[in-house]
């Protein structure tokens, strides 16, 4: 549901989706008694980020959003492993789209699958 998220731990950075804030946050957990937010990416008021995954380099994240508006989008984020800064890869988008992300709903995939 929209009330949960799946985090990623990358070194000292705890990366967490926050659906209610439409965001992904990076926390410095080097002192577990005092985690502190170091970065935040907001995806849009109609997005509810949910799952996160990180690539082998530890620098690229993928996040899905079961958008409250029904958009069902996927986004790419960049992580600076030195600072914990998380930024949205604005180049990753549907062709001709005004906003980043790739939409999963209302499209036909090469295998013939249609998500509605």
Protein backbone atom coordinates (compact mmCIF):
# COMPACT_ATOMS: atom_id res chain seq x y z
CA UNK A 1 0.00 0.00 0.00
CA UNK A 2 0.91 3.65 0.02
CA UNK A 3 1.90 3.53 3.68
CA UNK A 4 5.05 1.44 3.34
CA UNK A 5 8.35 1.64 1.56
CA UNK A 6 11.39 -0.50 0.94
CA UNK A 7 14.72 1.12 1.91
CA UNK A 8 18.28 0.68 0.66
CA UNK A 9 21.41 0.84 2.80
CA UNK A 10 24.44 2.13 0.85
CA UNK A 11 27.43 2.49 3.15
CA UNK A 12 26.45 5.06 5.78
CA UNK A 13 23.40 6.24 3.80
CA UNK A 14 19.92 4.92 4.57
CA UNK A 15 17.76 5.68 1.53
CA UNK A 16 14.05 5.62 2.28
CA UNK A 17 10.91 6.26 0.29
CA UNK A 18 8.38 8.50 2.05
CA UNK A 19 5.12 8.15 0.12
CA UNK A 20 3.26 10.78 2.15
CA UNK A 21 5.98 13.35 1.32
CA UNK A 22 6.19 12.19 -2.33
CA UNK A 23 9.92 11.86 -1.72
CA UNK A 24 13.04 9.76 -1.30
CA UNK A 25 15.28 10.82 1.59
CA UNK A 26 18.90 10.02 2.40
CA UNK A 27 19.80 9.68 6.06
CA UNK A 28 23.32 9.57 7.47
CA UNK A 29 23.22 6.61 9.88
CA UNK A 30 26.93 6.60 10.79
CA UNK A 31 25.70 7.35 14.33
CA UNK A 32 22.65 5.08 14.63
CA UNK A 33 21.50 6.92 17.77
CA UNK A 34 21.28 10.16 15.79
CA UNK A 35 20.34 9.61 12.14
CA UNK A 36 20.13 12.85 10.20
CA UNK A 37 18.61 13.72 6.85
CA UNK A 38 21.22 14.90 4.35
CA UNK A 39 19.25 14.94 1.11
CA UNK A 40 15.73 14.70 -0.31
CA UNK A 41 14.24 14.31 -3.78
CA UNK A 42 10.56 15.13 -4.25
CA UNK A 43 8.99 13.37 -7.23
CA UNK A 44 5.72 15.27 -7.58
CA UNK A 45 2.51 15.76 -5.63
CA UNK A 46 0.81 12.89 -7.48
CA UNK A 47 3.61 10.37 -6.80
CA UNK A 48 3.87 7.85 -3.96
CA UNK A 49 7.39 6.34 -4.09
CA UNK A 50 7.48 2.80 -2.80
CA UNK A 51 10.32 0.41 -3.73
CA UNK A 52 14.00 1.26 -4.12
CA UNK A 53 16.91 -0.70 -5.58
CA UNK A 54 20.55 0.25 -6.10
CA UNK A 55 22.96 -0.87 -8.82
CA UNK A 56 26.32 -2.58 -8.20
CA UNK A 57 28.19 0.74 -8.44
CA UNK A 58 26.28 2.13 -5.47
CA UNK A 59 25.56 5.30 -7.43
CA UNK A 60 22.29 4.66 -9.30
CA UNK A 61 18.91 4.01 -7.74
CA UNK A 62 15.62 3.04 -9.27
CA UNK A 63 12.37 3.87 -7.51
CA UNK A 64 8.83 3.02 -8.48
CA UNK A 65 5.83 5.14 -7.66
CA UNK A 66 2.32 3.84 -7.43
CA UNK A 67 1.12 7.35 -8.08
CA UNK A 68 -2.06 8.38 -6.35
CA UNK A 69 -3.10 9.79 -9.72
CA UNK A 70 -2.66 6.34 -11.26
CA UNK A 71 0.56 7.19 -13.10
CA UNK A 72 2.58 4.15 -11.96
CA UNK A 73 5.96 5.63 -12.85
CA UNK A 74 9.57 4.57 -12.43
CA UNK A 75 12.38 7.06 -11.80
CA UNK A 76 16.18 6.96 -11.78
CA UNK A 77 18.12 8.74 -9.06
CA UNK A 78 21.83 9.44 -8.66
CA UNK A 79 23.56 9.00 -5.29
CA UNK A 80 26.81 10.73 -4.40
CA UNK A 81 28.42 8.13 -2.11
CA UNK A 82 30.69 10.76 -0.54
CA UNK A 83 27.96 13.19 0.55
CA UNK A 84 24.69 11.22 0.43
CA UNK A 85 23.22 13.74 -2.03
CA UNK A 86 20.40 12.20 -4.03
CA UNK A 87 19.32 13.82 -7.29
CA UNK A 88 16.69 12.98 -9.90
CA UNK A 89 17.98 11.93 -13.33
CA UNK A 90 15.84 14.28 -15.41
CA UNK A 91 17.05 12.66 -18.66
CA UNK A 92 15.20 9.41 -17.85
CA UNK A 93 11.72 10.07 -19.24
CA UNK A 94 9.19 8.99 -21.81
CA UNK A 95 9.87 10.40 -25.27
CA UNK A 96 8.38 13.88 -25.51
CA UNK A 97 7.30 13.91 -21.85
CA UNK A 98 7.33 17.17 -19.91
CA UNK A 99 8.41 15.46 -16.68
CA UNK A 100 10.99 12.84 -15.70
CA UNK A 101 10.16 9.19 -15.23
CA UNK A 102 8.76 6.42 -17.37
CA UNK A 103 5.06 5.71 -17.13
CA UNK A 104 3.99 2.07 -16.79
CA UNK A 105 0.23 2.49 -17.05
CA UNK A 106 -1.72 2.92 -20.28
CA UNK A 107 1.08 1.69 -22.52
CA UNK A 108 1.71 -1.39 -24.62
CA UNK A 109 5.05 -3.11 -23.98
CA UNK A 110 7.02 -5.00 -26.68
CA UNK A 111 5.75 -8.35 -25.38
CA UNK A 112 2.15 -7.16 -25.87
CA UNK A 113 1.44 -6.53 -22.18
CA UNK A 114 -0.77 -3.53 -21.45
CA UNK A 115 -0.87 -2.04 -17.95
CA UNK A 116 -3.96 0.00 -17.18
